[in-house]
Structures are given as structure tokens and as C-alpha cells.
């Protein structure tokens, strides 16, 4: 099982990893928000390829990170969203908003 976390894997690439749920969500939200604010790139990639499992909290994190990027005048894109996150996005009609 992968370790849960959020990091700036490379300039402009915010990498989410592990299990995204109610236990990990609040800390990841704060960490990701700070990383996006400190990012000097004009384009932020929200990389979900290392997410092993996600509840609706993972979707909420992505939406929050998108807002953070927009507030900082940055473009954003989602990469590698796992199937469980895509299914949840579909239930809430957010799949087009999160299309990558």
C-alpha cells in the first residue's frame, strides 16, 4: 500500500498519493493549498496516478485544489484520476469539470 500524502513532485506537478478519505483529507487539504500557493508555475497539474483509493473526500480535495490554483491565477489540469474518483465525479455530474 502506498503512503498517503501530497507533494510537489516536480515544478507545477502536485502529486496526490495513497488513500484519500475523511482521515487523511483535512491535512492533505492544508498541505496542498500551501504547495499551490508557493508554486511559481502558471500551470498546475493535479496528478492522481498514485492514489490507491478514494472516497468523495478525494473529489473534494481536487475541487479545492482547483479553486486554489484559480485564485492564484494558475491554469490547472487533472492527470491520472483513478476509476473510483471518476465514478464519484460522474454521480455529481463533475466528470466534465474534472476532465483531463
PDB file of N, CA and C in Angstrom:
ATOM      1  N   UNK A   1       0.847  -1.184   0.000  1.00  0.00           N
ATOM      2  CA  UNK A   1       0.000   0.000   0.000  1.00  0.00           C
ATOM      3  C   UNK A   1       0.891   1.245   0.000  1.00  0.00           C
ATOM      4  N   UNK A   2       0.507   2.233  -0.784  1.00  0.00           N
ATOM      5  CA  UNK A   2       1.312   3.440  -0.871  1.00  0.00           C
ATOM      6  C   UNK A   2       1.033   4.361   0.312  1.00  0.00           C
ATOM      7  N   UNK A   3       2.022   5.182   0.595  1.00  0.00           N
ATOM      8  CA  UNK A   3       1.893   6.135   1.688  1.00  0.00           C
ATOM      9  C   UNK A   3       1.007   7.293   1.234  1.00  0.00           C
ATOM     10  N   UNK A   4       0.118   7.738   2.103  1.00  0.00           N
ATOM     11  CA  UNK A   4      -0.784   8.834   1.778  1.00  0.00           C
ATOM     12  C   UNK A   4      -0.061  10.157   1.952  1.00  0.00           C
ATOM     13  N   UNK A   5      -0.204  11.028   0.958  1.00  0.00           N
ATOM     14  CA  UNK A   5       0.426  12.332   1.056  1.00  0.00           C
ATOM     15  C   UNK A   5       0.150  13.186  -0.167  1.00  0.00           C
ATOM     16  N   UNK A   6       0.624  14.410  -0.089  1.00  0.00           N
ATOM     17  CA  UNK A   6       0.571  15.347  -1.203  1.00  0.00           C
ATOM     18  C   UNK A   6       1.924  16.039  -1.249  1.00  0.00           C
ATOM     19  N   UNK A   7       2.465  16.172  -2.459  1.00  0.00           N
ATOM     20  CA  UNK A   7       3.784  16.787  -2.600  1.00  0.00           C
ATOM     21  C   UNK A   7       3.887  17.454  -3.957  1.00  0.00           C
ATOM     22  N   UNK A   8       4.856  18.342  -4.084  1.00  0.00           N
ATOM     23  CA  UNK A   8       5.144  18.943  -5.375  1.00  0.00           C
ATOM     24  C   UNK A   8       6.222  18.058  -5.987  1.00  0.00           C
ATOM     25  N   UNK A   9       5.800  17.087  -6.780  1.00  0.00           N
ATOM     26  CA  UNK A   9       6.690  16.068  -7.331  1.00  0.00           C
ATOM     27  C   UNK A   9       7.752  16.673  -8.240  1.00  0.00           C
ATOM     28  N   UNK A  10       7.380  17.710  -8.944  1.00  0.00           N
ATOM     29  CA  UNK A  10       8.275  18.487  -9.797  1.00  0.00           C
ATOM     30  C   UNK A  10       7.607  19.845  -9.942  1.00  0.00           C
ATOM     31  N   UNK A  11       8.298  20.842 -10.435  1.00  0.00           N
ATOM     32  CA  UNK A  11       7.667  22.165 -10.518  1.00  0.00           C
ATOM     33  C   UNK A  11       6.338  22.115 -11.268  1.00  0.00           C
ATOM     34  N   UNK A  12       5.292  22.543 -10.589  1.00  0.00           N
ATOM     35  CA  UNK A  12       3.962  22.605 -11.182  1.00  0.00           C
ATOM     36  C   UNK A  12       3.170  21.314 -11.158  1.00  0.00           C
ATOM     37  N   UNK A  13       3.716  20.246 -10.564  1.00  0.00           N
ATOM     38  CA  UNK A  13       3.002  18.960 -10.520  1.00  0.00           C
ATOM     39  C   UNK A  13       2.727  18.579  -9.069  1.00  0.00           C
ATOM     40  N   UNK A  14       1.480  18.749  -8.647  1.00  0.00           N
ATOM     41  CA  UNK A  14       1.048  18.396  -7.300  1.00  0.00           C
ATOM     42  C   UNK A  14       0.624  16.932  -7.318  1.00  0.00           C
ATOM     43  N   UNK A  15       1.326  16.101  -6.583  1.00  0.00           N
ATOM     44  CA  UNK A  15       1.087  14.651  -6.615  1.00  0.00           C
ATOM     45  C   UNK A  15       0.330  14.213  -5.366  1.00  0.00           C
ATOM     46  N   UNK A  16      -0.844  13.631  -5.595  1.00  0.00           N
ATOM     47  CA  UNK A  16      -1.632  13.025  -4.517  1.00  0.00           C
ATOM     48  C   UNK A  16      -1.340  11.546  -4.508  1.00  0.00           C
ATOM     49  N   UNK A  17      -1.211  10.968  -3.309  1.00  0.00           N
ATOM     50  CA  UNK A  17      -0.871   9.550  -3.209  1.00  0.00           C
ATOM     51  C   UNK A  17      -1.599   8.895  -2.048  1.00  0.00           C
ATOM     52  N   UNK A  18      -1.850   7.595  -2.205  1.00  0.00           N
ATOM     53  CA  UNK A  18      -2.400   6.798  -1.121  1.00  0.00           C
ATOM     54  C   UNK A  18      -3.909   6.817  -1.048  1.00  0.00           C
ATOM     55  N   UNK A  19      -4.418   6.704   0.172  1.00  0.00           N
ATOM     56  CA  UNK A  19      -5.859   6.636   0.433  1.00  0.00           C
ATOM     57  C   UNK A  19      -6.374   8.027   0.783  1.00  0.00           C
ATOM     58  N   UNK A  20      -7.344   8.498   0.013  1.00  0.00           N
ATOM     59  CA  UNK A  20      -7.945   9.813   0.243  1.00  0.00           C
ATOM     60  C   UNK A  20      -9.308   9.600   0.874  1.00  0.00           C
ATOM     61  N   UNK A  21      -9.399   9.874   2.175  1.00  0.00           N
ATOM     62  CA  UNK A  21     -10.659   9.690   2.892  1.00  0.00           C
ATOM     63  C   UNK A  21     -10.774  10.726   4.002  1.00  0.00           C
ATOM     64  N   UNK A  22     -11.789  10.581   4.835  1.00  0.00           N
ATOM     65  CA  UNK A  22     -12.048  11.576   5.879  1.00  0.00           C
ATOM     66  C   UNK A  22     -10.908  11.687   6.883  1.00  0.00           C
ATOM     67  N   UNK A  23     -10.111  10.644   7.034  1.00  0.00           N
ATOM     68  CA  UNK A  23      -8.980  10.707   7.968  1.00  0.00           C
ATOM     69  C   UNK A  23      -7.819  11.504   7.399  1.00  0.00           C
ATOM     70  N   UNK A  24      -7.540  11.333   6.130  1.00  0.00           N
ATOM     71  CA  UNK A  24      -6.388  11.996   5.526  1.00  0.00           C
ATOM     72  C   UNK A  24      -6.734  13.353   4.924  1.00  0.00           C
ATOM     73  N   UNK A  25      -7.994  13.558   4.578  1.00  0.00           N
ATOM     74  CA  UNK A  25      -8.415  14.751   3.851  1.00  0.00           C
ATOM     75  C   UNK A  25      -8.043  16.095   4.443  1.00  0.00           C
ATOM     76  N   UNK A  26      -8.335  16.367   5.711  1.00  0.00           N
ATOM     77  CA  UNK A  26      -8.053  17.702   6.246  1.00  0.00           C
ATOM     78  C   UNK A  26      -6.574  18.098   6.176  1.00  0.00           C
ATOM     79  N   UNK A  27      -5.683  17.192   6.519  1.00  0.00           N
ATOM     80  CA  UNK A  27      -4.250  17.520   6.469  1.00  0.00           C
ATOM     81  C   UNK A  27      -3.794  17.696   5.023  1.00  0.00           C
ATOM     82  N   UNK A  28      -4.275  16.841   4.130  1.00  0.00           N
ATOM     83  CA  UNK A  28      -3.895  16.954   2.724  1.00  0.00           C
ATOM     84  C   UNK A  28      -4.389  18.267   2.133  1.00  0.00           C
ATOM     85  N   UNK A  29      -5.567  18.694   2.549  1.00  0.00           N
ATOM     86  CA  UNK A  29      -6.123  19.956   2.046  1.00  0.00           C
ATOM     87  C   UNK A  29      -5.215  21.127   2.402  1.00  0.00           C
ATOM     88  N   UNK A  30      -4.787  21.185   3.646  1.00  0.00           N
ATOM     89  CA  UNK A  30      -3.911  22.277   4.094  1.00  0.00           C
ATOM     90  C   UNK A  30      -2.562  22.220   3.400  1.00  0.00           C
ATOM     91  N   UNK A  31      -1.994  21.035   3.309  1.00  0.00           N
ATOM     92  CA  UNK A  31      -0.682  20.886   2.682  1.00  0.00           C
ATOM     93  C   UNK A  31      -0.734  21.261   1.203  1.00  0.00           C
ATOM     94  N   UNK A  32      -1.737  20.760   0.497  1.00  0.00           N
ATOM     95  CA  UNK A  32      -1.859  21.056  -0.928  1.00  0.00           C
ATOM     96  C   UNK A  32      -2.104  22.527  -1.196  1.00  0.00           C
ATOM     97  N   UNK A  33      -2.915  23.138  -0.366  1.00  0.00           N
ATOM     98  CA  UNK A  33      -3.196  24.569  -0.510  1.00  0.00           C
ATOM     99  C   UNK A  33      -1.908  25.375  -0.379  1.00  0.00           C
ATOM    100  N   UNK A  34      -1.092  25.037   0.604  1.00  0.00           N
ATOM    101  CA  UNK A  34       0.179  25.741   0.806  1.00  0.00           C
ATOM    102  C   UNK A  34       1.135  25.501  -0.369  1.00  0.00           C
ATOM    103  N   UNK A  35       1.173  24.276  -0.878  1.00  0.00           N
ATOM    104  CA  UNK A  35       2.060  23.971  -2.005  1.00  0.00           C
ATOM    105  C   UNK A  35       1.645  24.734  -3.259  1.00  0.00           C
ATOM    106  N   UNK A  36       0.362  24.823  -3.510  1.00  0.00           N
ATOM    107  CA  UNK A  36      -0.121  25.550  -4.687  1.00  0.00           C
ATOM    108  C   UNK A  36       0.172  27.040  -4.535  1.00  0.00           C
ATOM    109  N   UNK A  37      -0.029  27.582  -3.348  1.00  0.00           N
ATOM    110  CA  UNK A  37       0.253  28.999  -3.117  1.00  0.00           C
ATOM    111  C   UNK A  37       1.735  29.312  -3.321  1.00  0.00           C
ATOM    112  N   UNK A  38       2.610  28.386  -2.959  1.00  0.00           N
ATOM    113  CA  UNK A  38       4.049  28.604  -3.082  1.00  0.00           C
ATOM    114  C   UNK A  38       4.563  28.314  -4.496  1.00  0.00           C
ATOM    115  N   UNK A  39       3.778  27.665  -5.306  1.00  0.00           N
ATOM    116  CA  UNK A  39       4.184  27.277  -6.656  1.00  0.00           C
ATOM    117  C   UNK A  39       4.317  28.509  -7.553  1.00  0.00           C
ATOM    118  N   UNK A  40       5.436  28.619  -8.251  1.00  0.00           N
ATOM    119  CA  UNK A  40       5.668  29.757  -9.140  1.00  0.00           C
ATOM    120  C   UNK A  40       5.236  29.486 -10.577  1.00  0.00           C
ATOM    121  N   UNK A  41       4.873  28.248 -10.847  1.00  0.00           N
ATOM    122  CA  UNK A  41       4.452  27.883 -12.207  1.00  0.00           C
ATOM    123  C   UNK A  41       3.069  28.472 -12.494  1.00  0.00           C
ATOM    124  N   UNK A  42       2.774  28.712 -13.759  1.00  0.00           N
ATOM    125  CA  UNK A  42       1.473  29.261 -14.141  1.00  0.00           C
ATOM    126  C   UNK A  42       0.463  28.168 -14.463  1.00  0.00           C
ATOM    127  N   UNK A  43       0.930  26.937 -14.505  1.00  0.00           N
ATOM    128  CA  UNK A  43       0.075  25.788 -14.817  1.00  0.00           C
ATOM    129  C   UNK A  43       0.334  24.730 -13.747  1.00  0.00           C
ATOM    130  N   UNK A  44      -0.713  24.265 -13.096  1.00  0.00           N
ATOM    131  CA  UNK A  44      -0.589  23.245 -12.055  1.00  0.00           C
ATOM    132  C   UNK A  44      -1.268  21.960 -12.519  1.00  0.00           C
ATOM    133  N   UNK A  45      -0.526  20.869 -12.477  1.00  0.00           N
ATOM    134  CA  UNK A  45      -1.076  19.555 -12.793  1.00  0.00           C
ATOM    135  C   UNK A  45      -1.413  18.864 -11.474  1.00  0.00           C
ATOM    136  N   UNK A  46      -2.642  18.421 -11.330  1.00  0.00           N
ATOM    137  CA  UNK A  46      -3.072  17.676 -10.151  1.00  0.00           C
ATOM    138  C   UNK A  46      -2.957  16.195 -10.516  1.00  0.00           C
ATOM    139  N   UNK A  47      -1.860  15.582 -10.124  1.00  0.00           N
ATOM    140  CA  UNK A  47      -1.526  14.216 -10.522  1.00  0.00           C
ATOM    141  C   UNK A  47      -2.069  13.220  -9.509  1.00  0.00           C
ATOM    142  N   UNK A  48      -3.003  12.392  -9.964  1.00  0.00           N
ATOM    143  CA  UNK A  48      -3.658  11.407  -9.097  1.00  0.00           C
ATOM    144  C   UNK A  48      -3.215   9.981  -9.402  1.00  0.00           C
ATOM    145  N   UNK A  49      -2.164   9.796 -10.176  1.00  0.00           N
ATOM    146  CA  UNK A  49      -1.763   8.455 -10.591  1.00  0.00           C
ATOM    147  C   UNK A  49      -1.350   7.564  -9.426  1.00  0.00           C
ATOM    148  N   UNK A  50      -0.958   8.154  -8.295  1.00  0.00           N
ATOM    149  CA  UNK A  50      -0.536   7.359  -7.144  1.00  0.00           C
ATOM    150  C   UNK A  50      -1.629   7.191  -6.091  1.00  0.00           C
ATOM    151  N   UNK A  51      -2.851   7.621  -6.403  1.00  0.00           N
ATOM    152  CA  UNK A  51      -3.972   7.435  -5.471  1.00  0.00           C
ATOM    153  C   UNK A  51      -4.395   5.974  -5.538  1.00  0.00           C
ATOM    154  N   UNK A  52      -4.384   5.304  -4.383  1.00  0.00           N
ATOM    155  CA  UNK A  52      -4.749   3.887  -4.358  1.00  0.00           C
ATOM    156  C   UNK A  52      -6.229   3.668  -4.078  1.00  0.00           C
ATOM    157  N   UNK A  53      -6.871   4.619  -3.374  1.00  0.00           N
ATOM    158  CA  UNK A  53      -8.297   4.502  -3.050  1.00  0.00           C
ATOM    159  C   UNK A  53      -8.800   5.884  -2.681  1.00  0.00           C
ATOM    160  N   UNK A  54     -10.031   6.167  -3.090  1.00  0.00           N
ATOM    161  CA  UNK A  54     -10.576   7.490  -2.801  1.00  0.00           C
ATOM    162  C   UNK A  54     -12.063   7.413  -2.510  1.00  0.00           C
ATOM    163  N   UNK A  55     -12.464   8.178  -1.510  1.00  0.00           N
ATOM    164  CA  UNK A  55     -13.883   8.402  -1.250  1.00  0.00           C
ATOM    165  C   UNK A  55     -14.225   9.748  -1.874  1.00  0.00           C
ATOM    166  N   UNK A  56     -15.376  10.274  -1.570  1.00  0.00           N
ATOM    167  CA  UNK A  56     -15.753  11.596  -2.074  1.00  0.00           C
ATOM    168  C   UNK A  56     -14.813  12.678  -1.555  1.00  0.00           C
ATOM    169  N   UNK A  57     -14.075  12.387  -0.509  1.00  0.00           N
ATOM    170  CA  UNK A  57     -13.097  13.337   0.028  1.00  0.00           C
ATOM    171  C   UNK A  57     -12.031  13.642  -1.020  1.00  0.00           C
ATOM    172  N   UNK A  58     -11.608  12.641  -1.778  1.00  0.00           N
ATOM    173  CA  UNK A  58     -10.617  12.865  -2.826  1.00  0.00           C
ATOM    174  C   UNK A  58     -11.128  13.831  -3.873  1.00  0.00           C
ATOM    175  N   UNK A  59     -12.385  13.700  -4.235  1.00  0.00           N
ATOM    176  CA  UNK A  59     -13.001  14.610  -5.185  1.00  0.00           C
ATOM    177  C   UNK A  59     -13.067  16.024  -4.609  1.00  0.00           C
ATOM    178  N   UNK A  60     -13.405  16.117  -3.345  1.00  0.00           N
ATOM    179  CA  UNK A  60     -13.444  17.407  -2.669  1.00  0.00           C
ATOM    180  C   UNK A  60     -12.054  18.059  -2.656  1.00  0.00           C
ATOM    181  N   UNK A  61     -11.028  17.258  -2.431  1.00  0.00           N
ATOM    182  CA  UNK A  61      -9.657  17.780  -2.461  1.00  0.00           C
ATOM    183  C   UNK A  61      -9.335  18.354  -3.837  1.00  0.00           C
ATOM    184  N   UNK A  62      -9.661  17.618  -4.888  1.00  0.00           N
ATOM    185  CA  UNK A  62      -9.387  18.110  -6.238  1.00  0.00           C
ATOM    186  C   UNK A  62     -10.094  19.434  -6.498  1.00  0.00           C
ATOM    187  N   UNK A  63     -11.357  19.521  -6.111  1.00  0.00           N
ATOM    188  CA  UNK A  63     -12.110  20.761  -6.316  1.00  0.00           C
ATOM    189  C   UNK A  63     -11.483  21.917  -5.533  1.00  0.00           C
ATOM    190  N   UNK A  64     -11.057  21.645  -4.312  1.00  0.00           N
ATOM    191  CA  UNK A  64     -10.394  22.675  -3.512  1.00  0.00           C
ATOM    192  C   UNK A  64      -9.085  23.121  -4.136  1.00  0.00           C
ATOM    193  N   UNK A  65      -8.304  22.162  -4.632  1.00  0.00           N
ATOM    194  CA  UNK A  65      -7.024  22.493  -5.260  1.00  0.00           C
ATOM    195  C   UNK A  65      -7.243  23.275  -6.559  1.00  0.00           C
ATOM    196  N   UNK A  66      -8.304  22.946  -7.282  1.00  0.00           N
ATOM    197  CA  UNK A  66      -8.639  23.696  -8.494  1.00  0.00           C
ATOM    198  C   UNK A  66      -8.956  25.148  -8.144  1.00  0.00           C
ATOM    199  N   UNK A  67      -9.732  25.341  -7.091  1.00  0.00           N
ATOM    200  CA  UNK A  67     -10.060  26.708  -6.654  1.00  0.00           C
ATOM    201  C   UNK A  67      -8.804  27.453  -6.227  1.00  0.00           C
ATOM    202  N   UNK A  68      -7.908  26.761  -5.513  1.00  0.00           N
ATOM    203  CA  UNK A  68      -6.659  27.390  -5.079  1.00  0.00           C
ATOM    204  C   UNK A  68      -5.835  27.847  -6.280  1.00  0.00           C
ATOM    205  N   UNK A  69      -5.736  26.988  -7.286  1.00  0.00           N
ATOM    206  CA  UNK A  69      -4.972  27.328  -8.488  1.00  0.00           C
ATOM    207  C   UNK A  69      -5.608  28.538  -9.187  1.00  0.00           C
ATOM    208  N   UNK A  70      -6.914  28.508  -9.350  1.00  0.00           N
ATOM    209  CA  UNK A  70      -7.608  29.615  -9.999  1.00  0.00           C
ATOM    210  C   UNK A  70      -7.437  30.914  -9.225  1.00  0.00           C
ATOM    211  N   UNK A  71      -7.518  30.846  -7.904  1.00  0.00           N
ATOM    212  CA  UNK A  71      -7.354  32.041  -7.075  1.00  0.00           C
ATOM    213  C   UNK A  71      -5.960  32.633  -7.227  1.00  0.00           C
ATOM    214  N   UNK A  72      -4.982  31.780  -7.516  1.00  0.00           N
ATOM    215  CA  UNK A  72      -3.609  32.239  -7.724  1.00  0.00           C
ATOM    216  C   UNK A  72      -3.308  32.578  -9.172  1.00  0.00           C
ATOM    217  N   UNK A  73      -4.338  32.600 -10.027  1.00  0.00           N
ATOM    218  CA  UNK A  73      -4.148  32.942 -11.423  1.00  0.00           C
ATOM    219  C   UNK A  73      -3.467  31.847 -12.230  1.00  0.00           C
ATOM    220  N   UNK A  74      -3.553  30.612 -11.750  1.00  0.00           N
ATOM    221  CA  UNK A  74      -2.907  29.488 -12.420  1.00  0.00           C
ATOM    222  C   UNK A  74      -3.942  28.644 -13.168  1.00  0.00           C
ATOM    223  N   UNK A  75      -3.526  28.119 -14.305  1.00  0.00           N
ATOM    224  CA  UNK A  75      -4.341  27.137 -15.002  1.00  0.00           C
ATOM    225  C   UNK A  75      -4.110  25.803 -14.300  1.00  0.00           C
ATOM    226  N   UNK A  76      -5.035  24.871 -14.474  1.00  0.00           N
ATOM    227  CA  UNK A  76      -4.895  23.568 -13.818  1.00  0.00           C
ATOM    228  C   UNK A  76      -5.336  22.474 -14.776  1.00  0.00           C
ATOM    229  N   UNK A  77      -4.886  21.271 -14.479  1.00  0.00           N
ATOM    230  CA  UNK A  77      -5.323  20.089 -15.207  1.00  0.00           C
ATOM    231  C   UNK A  77      -5.213  18.903 -14.260  1.00  0.00           C
ATOM    232  N   UNK A  78      -6.116  17.945 -14.421  1.00  0.00           N
ATOM    233  CA  UNK A  78      -6.108  16.726 -13.613  1.00  0.00           C
ATOM    234  C   UNK A  78      -5.529  15.611 -14.466  1.00  0.00           C
ATOM    235  N   UNK A  79      -4.615  14.861 -13.878  1.00  0.00           N
ATOM    236  CA  UNK A  79      -3.983  13.747 -14.581  1.00  0.00           C
ATOM    237  C   UNK A  79      -4.150  12.464 -13.779  1.00  0.00           C
ATOM    238  N   UNK A  80      -4.494  11.383 -14.469  1.00  0.00           N
ATOM    239  CA  UNK A  80      -4.480  10.052 -13.866  1.00  0.00           C
ATOM    240  C   UNK A  80      -5.508   9.803 -12.782  1.00  0.00           C
ATOM    241  N   UNK A  81      -6.712  10.363 -12.951  1.00  0.00           N
ATOM    242  CA  UNK A  81      -7.740  10.145 -11.942  1.00  0.00           C
ATOM    243  C   UNK A  81      -8.158   8.671 -11.939  1.00  0.00           C
ATOM    244  N   UNK A  82      -8.103   7.999 -10.792  1.00  0.00           N
ATOM    245  CA  UNK A  82      -8.485   6.588 -10.739  1.00  0.00           C
ATOM    246  C   UNK A  82      -9.987   6.388 -10.966  1.00  0.00           C
ATOM    247  N   UNK A  83     -10.330   5.151 -11.305  1.00  0.00           N
ATOM    248  CA  UNK A  83     -11.716   4.824 -11.633  1.00  0.00           C
ATOM    249  C   UNK A  83     -12.704   5.187 -10.532  1.00  0.00           C
ATOM    250  N   UNK A  84     -12.345   4.936  -9.260  1.00  0.00           N
ATOM    251  CA  UNK A  84     -13.312   5.232  -8.191  1.00  0.00           C
ATOM    252  C   UNK A  84     -13.604   6.730  -8.101  1.00  0.00           C
ATOM    253  N   UNK A  85     -12.594   7.565  -8.343  1.00  0.00           N
ATOM    254  CA  UNK A  85     -12.816   9.011  -8.333  1.00  0.00           C
ATOM    255  C   UNK A  85     -13.665   9.425  -9.540  1.00  0.00           C
ATOM    256  N   UNK A  86     -13.422   8.814 -10.688  1.00  0.00           N
ATOM    257  CA  UNK A  86     -14.210   9.120 -11.889  1.00  0.00           C
ATOM    258  C   UNK A  86     -15.687   8.761 -11.681  1.00  0.00           C
ATOM    259  N   UNK A  87     -15.923   7.625 -11.037  1.00  0.00           N
ATOM    260  CA  UNK A  87     -17.305   7.203 -10.779  1.00  0.00           C
ATOM    261  C   UNK A  87     -18.011   8.189  -9.856  1.00  0.00           C
ATOM    262  N   UNK A  88     -17.334   8.633  -8.821  1.00  0.00           N
ATOM    263  CA  UNK A  88     -17.926   9.612  -7.902  1.00  0.00           C
ATOM    264  C   UNK A  88     -18.181  10.923  -8.637  1.00  0.00           C
ATOM    265  N   UNK A  89     -17.238  11.358  -9.458  1.00  0.00           N
ATOM    266  CA  UNK A  89     -17.412  12.591 -10.241  1.00  0.00           C
ATOM    267  C   UNK A  89     -18.633  12.475 -11.149  1.00  0.00           C
ATOM    268  N   UNK A  90     -18.841  11.290 -11.723  1.00  0.00           N
ATOM    269  CA  UNK A  90     -19.998  11.079 -12.582  1.00  0.00           C
ATOM    270  C   UNK A  90     -21.312  11.190 -11.839  1.00  0.00           C
ATOM    271  N   UNK A  91     -21.345  10.694 -10.617  1.00  0.00           N
ATOM    272  CA  UNK A  91     -22.564  10.775  -9.804  1.00  0.00           C
ATOM    273  C   UNK A  91     -22.949  12.233  -9.562  1.00  0.00           C
ATOM    274  N   UNK A  92     -21.961  13.092  -9.388  1.00  0.00           N
ATOM    275  CA  UNK A  92     -22.202  14.509  -9.101  1.00  0.00           C
ATOM    276  C   UNK A  92     -22.143  15.387 -10.348  1.00  0.00           C
ATOM    277  N   UNK A  93     -22.116  14.762 -11.530  1.00  0.00           N
ATOM    278  CA  UNK A  93     -22.033  15.483 -12.803  1.00  0.00           C
ATOM    279  C   UNK A  93     -20.816  16.420 -12.855  1.00  0.00           C
ATOM    280  N   UNK A  94     -19.721  15.979 -12.293  1.00  0.00           N
ATOM    281  CA  UNK A  94     -18.478  16.759 -12.302  1.00  0.00           C
ATOM    282  C   UNK A  94     -17.433  16.191 -13.250  1.00  0.00           C
ATOM    283  N   UNK A  95     -17.786  15.129 -13.945  1.00  0.00           N
ATOM    284  CA  UNK A  95     -16.798  14.484 -14.792  1.00  0.00           C
ATOM    285  C   UNK A  95     -16.279  15.418 -15.887  1.00  0.00           C
ATOM    286  N   UNK A  96     -17.123  16.285 -16.433  1.00  0.00           N
ATOM    287  CA  UNK A  96     -16.644  17.234 -17.444  1.00  0.00           C
ATOM    288  C   UNK A  96     -15.769  18.310 -16.831  1.00  0.00           C
ATOM    289  N   UNK A  97     -16.096  18.745 -15.641  1.00  0.00           N
ATOM    290  CA  UNK A  97     -15.289  19.767 -14.962  1.00  0.00           C
ATOM    291  C   UNK A  97     -13.885  19.229 -14.698  1.00  0.00           C
ATOM    292  N   UNK A  98     -13.798  17.960 -14.346  1.00  0.00           N
ATOM    293  CA  UNK A  98     -12.521  17.346 -13.986  1.00  0.00           C
ATOM    294  C   UNK A  98     -11.864  16.635 -15.150  1.00  0.00           C
ATOM    295  N   UNK A  99     -12.432  16.725 -16.339  1.00  0.00           N
ATOM    296  CA  UNK A  99     -11.883  16.008 -17.495  1.00  0.00           C
ATOM    297  C   UNK A  99     -10.417  16.350 -17.691  1.00  0.00           C
ATOM    298  N   UNK A 100      -9.631  15.288 -17.913  1.00  0.00           N
ATOM    299  CA  UNK A 100      -8.211  15.500 -18.142  1.00  0.00           C
ATOM    300  C   UNK A 100      -7.787  14.874 -19.441  1.00  0.00           C
TER     301      UNK A 100
END
